[in-house]
């Protein structure tokens, strides 16, 4: 065989390798597209070590999808993005979220560790924290360059799903307890494209201990850093009703503390603040404030301040 023939044969062999590589790449792209259409999500890596939140190349978990009903939301006094543009409640939550978002994505010296994780809590039950957590999540989901994860961490009284009118099964406690469970198995996608929900999961007698575990810290850190545009809203148990709130406060960058007008006592606030003082960014939200018709004005339904 001449030198020219040998060179030609070698070139043909190289082209064959390129063609096979191109075909393989094409198949991979088609496979990824099929996963996207079927609503599957692949996580890029595990949390902590290889035994936690296994995903990556091992599995692609299906995420359940739920439909948020406008009628049910309105029945529970939750304002939606389709409501009247100048709704007073909608405008108030726009004010509330703007300050939280500025803190969440601050850079340089003003950056807050886990600033994109916001804990919503109160002193006692029935002060409106779940209403505020859900309303805040929906308001933030209206942002164009943001994804929102609403987490129900009030395991003893999980009201997020009820307030939204949807059902879920596995949740946060299940993921913490079972190291072989993938977080994506518990996430609920909604008909709001950039809003997902993580239910509380099953009730457990060692809820506080699970929330204080290293595993919980790994999950929080992973949630916080996986997506640069994600904000996490955690509906926490009331501070004076459950020790779980003070444990959750260790993992978050900001707290939105709901105060019920004419009900929450000053001494309760002092006691509650001592339990969550490890978080240095506590924002106060005055809920259920009354106003007279003659003094109704923008910003009068909720008061907003800092502690």
C-alpha atoms as a PDB file:
ATOM      1  CA  UNK A   1       0.000   0.000   0.000  1.00  0.00           C
ATOM      2  CA  UNK A   2       1.385   3.412  -0.943  1.00  0.00           C
ATOM      3  CA  UNK A   3       1.878   6.225   1.545  1.00  0.00           C
ATOM      4  CA  UNK A   4      -1.028   8.103   0.011  1.00  0.00           C
ATOM      5  CA  UNK A   5      -3.346   5.094   0.394  1.00  0.00           C
ATOM      6  CA  UNK A   6      -2.278   4.617   4.027  1.00  0.00           C
ATOM      7  CA  UNK A   7      -2.936   8.299   4.782  1.00  0.00           C
ATOM      8  CA  UNK A   8      -6.352   8.097   3.149  1.00  0.00           C
ATOM      9  CA  UNK A   9      -7.257   5.000   5.184  1.00  0.00           C
ATOM     10  CA  UNK A  10      -6.167   6.713   8.399  1.00  0.00           C
ATOM     11  CA  UNK A  11      -8.227   9.803   7.575  1.00  0.00           C
ATOM     12  CA  UNK A  12     -11.288   7.642   6.898  1.00  0.00           C
ATOM     13  CA  UNK A  13     -10.859   5.921  10.257  1.00  0.00           C
ATOM     14  CA  UNK A  14     -10.652   9.315  12.038  1.00  0.00           C
ATOM     15  CA  UNK A  15     -13.833  10.505  10.331  1.00  0.00           C
ATOM     16  CA  UNK A  16     -15.580   7.360  11.539  1.00  0.00           C
ATOM     17  CA  UNK A  17     -14.631   8.158  15.133  1.00  0.00           C
ATOM     18  CA  UNK A  18     -15.888  11.722  14.767  1.00  0.00           C
ATOM     19  CA  UNK A  19     -19.134  10.505  13.268  1.00  0.00           C
ATOM     20  CA  UNK A  20     -19.662   8.068  16.119  1.00  0.00           C
ATOM     21  CA  UNK A  21     -18.939  10.801  18.669  1.00  0.00           C
ATOM     22  CA  UNK A  22     -21.366  13.141  16.928  1.00  0.00           C
ATOM     23  CA  UNK A  23     -24.038  10.439  16.913  1.00  0.00           C
ATOM     24  CA  UNK A  24     -23.490   9.775  20.621  1.00  0.00           C
ATOM     25  CA  UNK A  25     -23.761  13.487  21.398  1.00  0.00           C
ATOM     26  CA  UNK A  26     -26.982  13.668  19.399  1.00  0.00           C
ATOM     27  CA  UNK A  27     -28.440  10.756  21.343  1.00  0.00           C
ATOM     28  CA  UNK A  28     -27.509  12.412  24.644  1.00  0.00           C
ATOM     29  CA  UNK A  29     -29.212  15.659  23.635  1.00  0.00           C
ATOM     30  CA  UNK A  30     -32.374  13.775  22.618  1.00  0.00           C
ATOM     31  CA  UNK A  31     -32.320  11.908  25.934  1.00  0.00           C
ATOM     32  CA  UNK A  32     -32.044  15.165  27.879  1.00  0.00           C
ATOM     33  CA  UNK A  33     -34.891  16.694  25.890  1.00  0.00           C
ATOM     34  CA  UNK A  34     -37.089  13.692  26.641  1.00  0.00           C
ATOM     35  CA  UNK A  35     -36.341  14.039  30.358  1.00  0.00           C
ATOM     36  CA  UNK A  36     -37.308  17.706  30.262  1.00  0.00           C
ATOM     37  CA  UNK A  37     -40.607  17.028  28.495  1.00  0.00           C
ATOM     38  CA  UNK A  38     -41.557  14.313  30.948  1.00  0.00           C
ATOM     39  CA  UNK A  39     -41.006  16.639  33.892  1.00  0.00           C
ATOM     40  CA  UNK A  40     -37.891  14.920  35.194  1.00  0.00           C
ATOM     41  CA  UNK A  41     -35.005  16.702  36.818  1.00  0.00           C
ATOM     42  CA  UNK A  42     -31.459  15.479  37.273  1.00  0.00           C
ATOM     43  CA  UNK A  43     -29.503  16.895  40.187  1.00  0.00           C
ATOM     44  CA  UNK A  44     -25.877  17.686  39.432  1.00  0.00           C
ATOM     45  CA  UNK A  45     -24.411  16.263  42.569  1.00  0.00           C
ATOM     46  CA  UNK A  46     -24.998  14.918  46.056  1.00  0.00           C
ATOM     47  CA  UNK A  47     -25.282  16.817  49.301  1.00  0.00           C
ATOM     48  CA  UNK A  48     -22.414  16.236  51.671  1.00  0.00           C
ATOM     49  CA  UNK A  49     -21.212  12.779  50.639  1.00  0.00           C
ATOM     50  CA  UNK A  50     -22.115  10.019  48.222  1.00  0.00           C
ATOM     51  CA  UNK A  51     -24.748   8.603  50.571  1.00  0.00           C
ATOM     52  CA  UNK A  52     -26.818  11.792  50.755  1.00  0.00           C
ATOM     53  CA  UNK A  53     -29.352  12.994  48.187  1.00  0.00           C
ATOM     54  CA  UNK A  54     -28.157  10.497  45.566  1.00  0.00           C
ATOM     55  CA  UNK A  55     -28.894  11.767  42.108  1.00  0.00           C
ATOM     56  CA  UNK A  56     -26.300  12.815  39.529  1.00  0.00           C
ATOM     57  CA  UNK A  57     -25.807   9.846  37.201  1.00  0.00           C
ATOM     58  CA  UNK A  58     -27.672   7.368  39.398  1.00  0.00           C
ATOM     59  CA  UNK A  59     -31.286   8.464  39.013  1.00  0.00           C
ATOM     60  CA  UNK A  60     -33.642  10.975  37.488  1.00  0.00           C
ATOM     61  CA  UNK A  61     -36.552  11.556  39.859  1.00  0.00           C
ATOM     62  CA  UNK A  62     -40.082  12.438  38.847  1.00  0.00           C
ATOM     63  CA  UNK A  63     -41.470  15.571  40.436  1.00  0.00           C
ATOM     64  CA  UNK A  64     -45.202  15.628  41.070  1.00  0.00           C
ATOM     65  CA  UNK A  65     -47.151  18.547  39.666  1.00  0.00           C
ATOM     66  CA  UNK A  66     -50.018  20.286  41.467  1.00  0.00           C
ATOM     67  CA  UNK A  67     -52.500  22.872  40.289  1.00  0.00           C
ATOM     68  CA  UNK A  68     -53.027  25.973  42.417  1.00  0.00           C
ATOM     69  CA  UNK A  69     -56.670  27.001  42.302  1.00  0.00           C
ATOM     70  CA  UNK A  70     -57.384  30.728  42.229  1.00  0.00           C
ATOM     71  CA  UNK A  71     -60.768  30.112  43.854  1.00  0.00           C
ATOM     72  CA  UNK A  72     -59.219  28.284  46.819  1.00  0.00           C
ATOM     73  CA  UNK A  73     -56.513  30.938  47.188  1.00  0.00           C
ATOM     74  CA  UNK A  74     -59.123  33.700  47.220  1.00  0.00           C
ATOM     75  CA  UNK A  75     -61.202  31.723  49.736  1.00  0.00           C
ATOM     76  CA  UNK A  76     -58.141  31.731  52.024  1.00  0.00           C
ATOM     77  CA  UNK A  77     -57.628  35.475  51.386  1.00  0.00           C
ATOM     78  CA  UNK A  78     -54.439  34.832  49.394  1.00  0.00           C
ATOM     79  CA  UNK A  79     -53.847  37.400  46.659  1.00  0.00           C
ATOM     80  CA  UNK A  80     -52.640  35.961  43.349  1.00  0.00           C
ATOM     81  CA  UNK A  81     -50.775  37.490  40.445  1.00  0.00           C
ATOM     82  CA  UNK A  82     -54.040  37.575  38.505  1.00  0.00           C
ATOM     83  CA  UNK A  83     -55.764  39.730  41.096  1.00  0.00           C
ATOM     84  CA  UNK A  84     -56.388  43.434  40.775  1.00  0.00           C
ATOM     85  CA  UNK A  85     -53.112  45.215  40.029  1.00  0.00           C
ATOM     86  CA  UNK A  86     -53.511  47.773  42.800  1.00  0.00           C
ATOM     87  CA  UNK A  87     -54.715  45.368  45.489  1.00  0.00           C
ATOM     88  CA  UNK A  88     -53.575  46.791  48.809  1.00  0.00           C
ATOM     89  CA  UNK A  89     -52.310  43.445  50.110  1.00  0.00           C
ATOM     90  CA  UNK A  90     -50.464  42.757  46.852  1.00  0.00           C
ATOM     91  CA  UNK A  91     -48.751  46.137  47.026  1.00  0.00           C
ATOM     92  CA  UNK A  92     -47.762  45.632  50.641  1.00  0.00           C
ATOM     93  CA  UNK A  93     -46.069  42.314  49.913  1.00  0.00           C
ATOM     94  CA  UNK A  94     -44.232  43.954  47.043  1.00  0.00           C
ATOM     95  CA  UNK A  95     -42.712  46.322  49.592  1.00  0.00           C
ATOM     96  CA  UNK A  96     -41.910  43.499  51.976  1.00  0.00           C
ATOM     97  CA  UNK A  97     -40.228  41.300  49.373  1.00  0.00           C
ATOM     98  CA  UNK A  98     -38.072  44.066  47.905  1.00  0.00           C
ATOM     99  CA  UNK A  99     -36.071  44.557  51.075  1.00  0.00           C
ATOM    100  CA  UNK A 100     -35.695  40.799  51.565  1.00  0.00           C
ATOM    101  CA  UNK A 101     -34.516  40.331  47.977  1.00  0.00           C
ATOM    102  CA  UNK A 102     -31.942  43.098  48.288  1.00  0.00           C
ATOM    103  CA  UNK A 103     -30.524  41.340  51.335  1.00  0.00           C
ATOM    104  CA  UNK A 104     -30.750  37.929  49.697  1.00  0.00           C
ATOM    105  CA  UNK A 105     -28.534  38.784  46.744  1.00  0.00           C
ATOM    106  CA  UNK A 106     -26.199  41.389  48.217  1.00  0.00           C
ATOM    107  CA  UNK A 107     -22.568  41.128  47.172  1.00  0.00           C
ATOM    108  CA  UNK A 108     -19.248  42.011  48.754  1.00  0.00           C
ATOM    109  CA  UNK A 109     -19.111  43.227  52.349  1.00  0.00           C
ATOM    110  CA  UNK A 110     -22.897  43.452  52.612  1.00  0.00           C
ATOM    111  CA  UNK A 111     -23.410  39.823  51.543  1.00  0.00           C
ATOM    112  CA  UNK A 112     -25.392  37.684  53.990  1.00  0.00           C
ATOM    113  CA  UNK A 113     -24.632  33.989  54.353  1.00  0.00           C
ATOM    114  CA  UNK A 114     -27.702  32.025  53.236  1.00  0.00           C
ATOM    115  CA  UNK A 115     -29.397  35.369  52.687  1.00  0.00           C
ATOM    116  CA  UNK A 116     -31.617  33.751  50.078  1.00  0.00           C
ATOM    117  CA  UNK A 117     -33.195  31.559  52.766  1.00  0.00           C
ATOM    118  CA  UNK A 118     -35.962  33.374  54.648  1.00  0.00           C
ATOM    119  CA  UNK A 119     -37.644  31.922  57.730  1.00  0.00           C
ATOM    120  CA  UNK A 120     -41.210  33.097  58.413  1.00  0.00           C
ATOM    121  CA  UNK A 121     -42.309  32.667  62.015  1.00  0.00           C
ATOM    122  CA  UNK A 122     -44.191  34.263  64.916  1.00  0.00           C
ATOM    123  CA  UNK A 123     -44.423  34.027  68.700  1.00  0.00           C
ATOM    124  CA  UNK A 124     -47.611  31.948  68.982  1.00  0.00           C
ATOM    125  CA  UNK A 125     -49.933  30.010  66.622  1.00  0.00           C
ATOM    126  CA  UNK A 126     -52.695  31.736  64.635  1.00  0.00           C
ATOM    127  CA  UNK A 127     -50.877  35.039  64.160  1.00  0.00           C
ATOM    128  CA  UNK A 128     -50.859  34.685  60.376  1.00  0.00           C
ATOM    129  CA  UNK A 129     -47.362  33.386  59.622  1.00  0.00           C
ATOM    130  CA  UNK A 130     -48.486  30.778  57.057  1.00  0.00           C
ATOM    131  CA  UNK A 131     -50.668  33.352  55.302  1.00  0.00           C
ATOM    132  CA  UNK A 132     -47.651  35.664  55.127  1.00  0.00           C
ATOM    133  CA  UNK A 133     -45.274  32.887  54.001  1.00  0.00           C
ATOM    134  CA  UNK A 134     -47.575  31.808  51.169  1.00  0.00           C
ATOM    135  CA  UNK A 135     -48.348  35.393  50.117  1.00  0.00           C
ATOM    136  CA  UNK A 136     -44.644  36.259  50.136  1.00  0.00           C
ATOM    137  CA  UNK A 137     -43.773  33.193  48.051  1.00  0.00           C
ATOM    138  CA  UNK A 138     -46.434  34.022  45.451  1.00  0.00           C
ATOM    139  CA  UNK A 139     -45.301  37.635  45.318  1.00  0.00           C
ATOM    140  CA  UNK A 140     -41.678  36.612  44.805  1.00  0.00           C
ATOM    141  CA  UNK A 141     -42.715  34.087  42.156  1.00  0.00           C
ATOM    142  CA  UNK A 142     -44.025  37.030  40.130  1.00  0.00           C
ATOM    143  CA  UNK A 143     -40.407  38.163  39.647  1.00  0.00           C
ATOM    144  CA  UNK A 144     -39.065  37.425  36.175  1.00  0.00           C
ATOM    145  CA  UNK A 145     -35.538  36.343  37.139  1.00  0.00           C
ATOM    146  CA  UNK A 146     -36.224  34.332  40.261  1.00  0.00           C
ATOM    147  CA  UNK A 147     -37.186  30.798  41.286  1.00  0.00           C
ATOM    148  CA  UNK A 148     -38.983  30.239  44.577  1.00  0.00           C
ATOM    149  CA  UNK A 149     -39.073  27.196  46.837  1.00  0.00           C
ATOM    150  CA  UNK A 150     -41.733  27.259  49.565  1.00  0.00           C
ATOM    151  CA  UNK A 151     -40.857  24.871  52.396  1.00  0.00           C
ATOM    152  CA  UNK A 152     -43.345  23.786  55.059  1.00  0.00           C
ATOM    153  CA  UNK A 153     -41.244  23.131  58.165  1.00  0.00           C
ATOM    154  CA  UNK A 154     -44.121  23.342  60.637  1.00  0.00           C
ATOM    155  CA  UNK A 155     -44.355  19.573  60.989  1.00  0.00           C
ATOM    156  CA  UNK A 156     -46.782  19.615  63.920  1.00  0.00           C
ATOM    157  CA  UNK A 157     -49.236  21.871  62.079  1.00  0.00           C
ATOM    158  CA  UNK A 158     -48.412  21.815  58.356  1.00  0.00           C
ATOM    159  CA  UNK A 159     -50.786  24.383  56.844  1.00  0.00           C
ATOM    160  CA  UNK A 160     -49.034  25.344  53.611  1.00  0.00           C
ATOM    161  CA  UNK A 161     -50.623  22.650  51.441  1.00  0.00           C
ATOM    162  CA  UNK A 162     -54.051  23.232  52.985  1.00  0.00           C
ATOM    163  CA  UNK A 163     -53.783  26.967  52.385  1.00  0.00           C
ATOM    164  CA  UNK A 164     -52.834  26.363  48.757  1.00  0.00           C
ATOM    165  CA  UNK A 165     -55.510  23.704  48.316  1.00  0.00           C
ATOM    166  CA  UNK A 166     -53.154  20.928  47.200  1.00  0.00           C
ATOM    167  CA  UNK A 167     -52.043  17.554  48.524  1.00  0.00           C
ATOM    168  CA  UNK A 168     -48.605  16.036  49.003  1.00  0.00           C
ATOM    169  CA  UNK A 169     -47.046  12.953  50.509  1.00  0.00           C
ATOM    170  CA  UNK A 170     -43.340  12.833  51.284  1.00  0.00           C
ATOM    171  CA  UNK A 171     -41.542  15.939  52.459  1.00  0.00           C
ATOM    172  CA  UNK A 172     -38.752  17.563  54.433  1.00  0.00           C
ATOM    173  CA  UNK A 173     -38.740  15.182  57.406  1.00  0.00           C
ATOM    174  CA  UNK A 174     -38.700  12.142  55.113  1.00  0.00           C
ATOM    175  CA  UNK A 175     -35.637  13.461  53.263  1.00  0.00           C
ATOM    176  CA  UNK A 176     -33.793  14.218  56.505  1.00  0.00           C
ATOM    177  CA  UNK A 177     -34.538  10.826  57.988  1.00  0.00           C
ATOM    178  CA  UNK A 178     -33.831   8.764  54.879  1.00  0.00           C
ATOM    179  CA  UNK A 179     -30.385   9.474  53.438  1.00  0.00           C
ATOM    180  CA  UNK A 180     -31.179   7.390  50.370  1.00  0.00           C
ATOM    181  CA  UNK A 181     -34.133   9.584  49.420  1.00  0.00           C
ATOM    182  CA  UNK A 182     -33.613  12.226  46.771  1.00  0.00           C
ATOM    183  CA  UNK A 183     -34.914  15.705  47.498  1.00  0.00           C
ATOM    184  CA  UNK A 184     -36.526  15.890  44.073  1.00  0.00           C
ATOM    185  CA  UNK A 185     -38.802  12.971  45.015  1.00  0.00           C
ATOM    186  CA  UNK A 186     -40.606  15.261  47.448  1.00  0.00           C
ATOM    187  CA  UNK A 187     -40.782  18.519  45.497  1.00  0.00           C
ATOM    188  CA  UNK A 188     -44.121  19.604  44.071  1.00  0.00           C
ATOM    189  CA  UNK A 189     -44.084  21.620  40.884  1.00  0.00           C
ATOM    190  CA  UNK A 190     -46.952  24.073  40.471  1.00  0.00           C
ATOM    191  CA  UNK A 191     -48.718  25.687  37.553  1.00  0.00           C
ATOM    192  CA  UNK A 192     -46.682  28.780  38.424  1.00  0.00           C
ATOM    193  CA  UNK A 193     -43.554  27.907  36.468  1.00  0.00           C
ATOM    194  CA  UNK A 194     -40.980  29.247  38.923  1.00  0.00           C
ATOM    195  CA  UNK A 195     -42.665  28.131  42.161  1.00  0.00           C
ATOM    196  CA  UNK A 196     -42.077  24.743  43.814  1.00  0.00           C
ATOM    197  CA  UNK A 197     -43.199  23.388  47.181  1.00  0.00           C
ATOM    198  CA  UNK A 198     -41.492  21.095  49.673  1.00  0.00           C
ATOM    199  CA  UNK A 199     -44.142  19.666  52.063  1.00  0.00           C
ATOM    200  CA  UNK A 200     -43.428  19.023  55.722  1.00  0.00           C
ATOM    201  CA  UNK A 201     -43.633  15.253  55.370  1.00  0.00           C
ATOM    202  CA  UNK A 202     -44.641  12.788  58.023  1.00  0.00           C
ATOM    203  CA  UNK A 203     -44.914  13.714  61.684  1.00  0.00           C
ATOM    204  CA  UNK A 204     -42.018  12.514  63.806  1.00  0.00           C
ATOM    205  CA  UNK A 205     -41.464  12.453  67.560  1.00  0.00           C
ATOM    206  CA  UNK A 206     -37.876  13.647  67.038  1.00  0.00           C
ATOM    207  CA  UNK A 207     -38.668  16.532  64.703  1.00  0.00           C
ATOM    208  CA  UNK A 208     -36.442  19.050  66.495  1.00  0.00           C
ATOM    209  CA  UNK A 209     -33.533  16.607  66.623  1.00  0.00           C
ATOM    210  CA  UNK A 210     -33.887  15.878  62.904  1.00  0.00           C
ATOM    211  CA  UNK A 211     -33.964  19.582  62.072  1.00  0.00           C
ATOM    212  CA  UNK A 212     -30.847  20.085  64.203  1.00  0.00           C
ATOM    213  CA  UNK A 213     -28.991  17.225  62.513  1.00  0.00           C
ATOM    214  CA  UNK A 214     -25.989  17.503  60.230  1.00  0.00           C
ATOM    215  CA  UNK A 215     -28.144  16.109  57.449  1.00  0.00           C
ATOM    216  CA  UNK A 216     -30.498  19.103  57.703  1.00  0.00           C
ATOM    217  CA  UNK A 217     -27.543  21.467  57.512  1.00  0.00           C
ATOM    218  CA  UNK A 218     -26.347  19.732  54.357  1.00  0.00           C
ATOM    219  CA  UNK A 219     -29.781  19.993  52.754  1.00  0.00           C
ATOM    220  CA  UNK A 220     -30.089  23.692  53.588  1.00  0.00           C
ATOM    221  CA  UNK A 221     -26.610  24.462  52.272  1.00  0.00           C
ATOM    222  CA  UNK A 222     -27.331  22.538  49.090  1.00  0.00           C
ATOM    223  CA  UNK A 223     -30.642  24.319  48.533  1.00  0.00           C
ATOM    224  CA  UNK A 224     -29.000  27.678  49.160  1.00  0.00           C
ATOM    225  CA  UNK A 225     -26.103  27.314  46.753  1.00  0.00           C
ATOM    226  CA  UNK A 226     -27.421  25.049  43.988  1.00  0.00           C
ATOM    227  CA  UNK A 227     -29.298  27.792  42.128  1.00  0.00           C
ATOM    228  CA  UNK A 228     -27.963  31.342  42.108  1.00  0.00           C
ATOM    229  CA  UNK A 229     -31.431  32.769  41.427  1.00  0.00           C
ATOM    230  CA  UNK A 230     -33.400  30.773  44.011  1.00  0.00           C
ATOM    231  CA  UNK A 231     -35.101  32.206  47.091  1.00  0.00           C
ATOM    232  CA  UNK A 232     -36.286  29.781  49.771  1.00  0.00           C
ATOM    233  CA  UNK A 233     -39.236  30.658  52.013  1.00  0.00           C
ATOM    234  CA  UNK A 234     -39.555  28.437  55.097  1.00  0.00           C
ATOM    235  CA  UNK A 235     -42.804  28.388  57.056  1.00  0.00           C
ATOM    236  CA  UNK A 236     -41.551  27.655  60.567  1.00  0.00           C
ATOM    237  CA  UNK A 237     -43.349  26.667  63.762  1.00  0.00           C
ATOM    238  CA  UNK A 238     -44.016  29.571  66.168  1.00  0.00           C
ATOM    239  CA  UNK A 239     -40.940  30.327  68.274  1.00  0.00           C
ATOM    240  CA  UNK A 240     -42.619  30.008  71.683  1.00  0.00           C
ATOM    241  CA  UNK A 241     -44.650  26.968  70.662  1.00  0.00           C
ATOM    242  CA  UNK A 242     -41.854  24.741  69.350  1.00  0.00           C
ATOM    243  CA  UNK A 243     -38.110  24.439  69.849  1.00  0.00           C
ATOM    244  CA  UNK A 244     -37.801  23.648  66.137  1.00  0.00           C
ATOM    245  CA  UNK A 245     -37.976  27.349  65.249  1.00  0.00           C
ATOM    246  CA  UNK A 246     -34.798  28.220  67.135  1.00  0.00           C
ATOM    247  CA  UNK A 247     -33.018  25.315  65.416  1.00  0.00           C
ATOM    248  CA  UNK A 248     -34.152  26.437  61.965  1.00  0.00           C
ATOM    249  CA  UNK A 249     -32.950  29.963  62.732  1.00  0.00           C
ATOM    250  CA  UNK A 250     -29.389  28.612  62.788  1.00  0.00           C
ATOM    251  CA  UNK A 251     -29.562  27.738  59.093  1.00  0.00           C
ATOM    252  CA  UNK A 252     -31.167  30.833  57.555  1.00  0.00           C
ATOM    253  CA  UNK A 253     -29.868  34.249  56.565  1.00  0.00           C
ATOM    254  CA  UNK A 254     -33.062  36.229  57.229  1.00  0.00           C
ATOM    255  CA  UNK A 255     -36.159  35.973  59.396  1.00  0.00           C
ATOM    256  CA  UNK A 256     -39.535  37.560  58.707  1.00  0.00           C
ATOM    257  CA  UNK A 257     -41.190  37.738  62.110  1.00  0.00           C
ATOM    258  CA  UNK A 258     -44.989  38.109  61.998  1.00  0.00           C
ATOM    259  CA  UNK A 259     -46.587  40.108  64.805  1.00  0.00           C
ATOM    260  CA  UNK A 260     -50.356  40.168  65.245  1.00  0.00           C
ATOM    261  CA  UNK A 261     -51.609  43.663  65.995  1.00  0.00           C
ATOM    262  CA  UNK A 262     -53.337  44.075  69.379  1.00  0.00           C
ATOM    263  CA  UNK A 263     -52.505  40.503  70.385  1.00  0.00           C
ATOM    264  CA  UNK A 264     -48.763  39.776  70.474  1.00  0.00           C
ATOM    265  CA  UNK A 265     -47.352  40.961  73.796  1.00  0.00           C
ATOM    266  CA  UNK A 266     -44.063  42.777  74.179  1.00  0.00           C
ATOM    267  CA  UNK A 267     -42.680  40.292  76.702  1.00  0.00           C
ATOM    268  CA  UNK A 268     -43.430  37.461  74.268  1.00  0.00           C
ATOM    269  CA  UNK A 269     -41.419  39.240  71.605  1.00  0.00           C
ATOM    270  CA  UNK A 270     -38.416  39.625  73.900  1.00  0.00           C
ATOM    271  CA  UNK A 271     -38.543  35.947  74.823  1.00  0.00           C
ATOM    272  CA  UNK A 272     -38.875  34.908  71.185  1.00  0.00           C
ATOM    273  CA  UNK A 273     -36.029  37.142  69.975  1.00  0.00           C
ATOM    274  CA  UNK A 274     -33.669  35.586  72.518  1.00  0.00           C
ATOM    275  CA  UNK A 275     -34.357  32.149  71.047  1.00  0.00           C
ATOM    276  CA  UNK A 276     -33.613  33.193  67.466  1.00  0.00           C
ATOM    277  CA  UNK A 277     -30.872  35.747  68.109  1.00  0.00           C
ATOM    278  CA  UNK A 278     -28.289  33.686  66.195  1.00  0.00           C
ATOM    279  CA  UNK A 279     -29.846  35.080  63.035  1.00  0.00           C
ATOM    280  CA  UNK A 280     -28.795  38.721  62.788  1.00  0.00           C
ATOM    281  CA  UNK A 281     -31.283  39.811  60.144  1.00  0.00           C
ATOM    282  CA  UNK A 282     -34.761  39.844  61.686  1.00  0.00           C
ATOM    283  CA  UNK A 283     -37.512  41.791  59.921  1.00  0.00           C
ATOM    284  CA  UNK A 284     -40.826  42.565  61.602  1.00  0.00           C
ATOM    285  CA  UNK A 285     -44.177  42.329  59.834  1.00  0.00           C
ATOM    286  CA  UNK A 286     -47.261  43.733  61.589  1.00  0.00           C
ATOM    287  CA  UNK A 287     -50.280  41.653  60.612  1.00  0.00           C
ATOM    288  CA  UNK A 288     -54.037  42.243  61.054  1.00  0.00           C
ATOM    289  CA  UNK A 289     -53.599  45.950  61.741  1.00  0.00           C
ATOM    290  CA  UNK A 290     -56.818  47.984  61.786  1.00  0.00           C
ATOM    291  CA  UNK A 291     -57.383  51.363  60.176  1.00  0.00           C
ATOM    292  CA  UNK A 292     -60.281  53.768  59.910  1.00  0.00           C
ATOM    293  CA  UNK A 293     -61.884  54.489  56.559  1.00  0.00           C
ATOM    294  CA  UNK A 294     -60.880  58.153  56.718  1.00  0.00           C
ATOM    295  CA  UNK A 295     -57.217  57.310  57.217  1.00  0.00           C
ATOM    296  CA  UNK A 296     -56.942  54.515  54.663  1.00  0.00           C
ATOM    297  CA  UNK A 297     -53.783  54.966  52.640  1.00  0.00           C
ATOM    298  CA  UNK A 298     -51.139  52.973  50.810  1.00  0.00           C
ATOM    299  CA  UNK A 299     -49.062  50.963  53.242  1.00  0.00           C
ATOM    300  CA  UNK A 300     -51.587  51.035  56.067  1.00  0.00           C
ATOM    301  CA  UNK A 301     -52.627  47.371  56.089  1.00  0.00           C
ATOM    302  CA  UNK A 302     -49.263  46.030  57.191  1.00  0.00           C
ATOM    303  CA  UNK A 303     -46.538  47.794  59.106  1.00  0.00           C
ATOM    304  CA  UNK A 304     -42.958  46.903  58.282  1.00  0.00           C
ATOM    305  CA  UNK A 305     -39.812  47.497  60.320  1.00  0.00           C
ATOM    306  CA  UNK A 306     -36.556  46.015  61.512  1.00  0.00           C
ATOM    307  CA  UNK A 307     -35.406  44.486  64.768  1.00  0.00           C
END
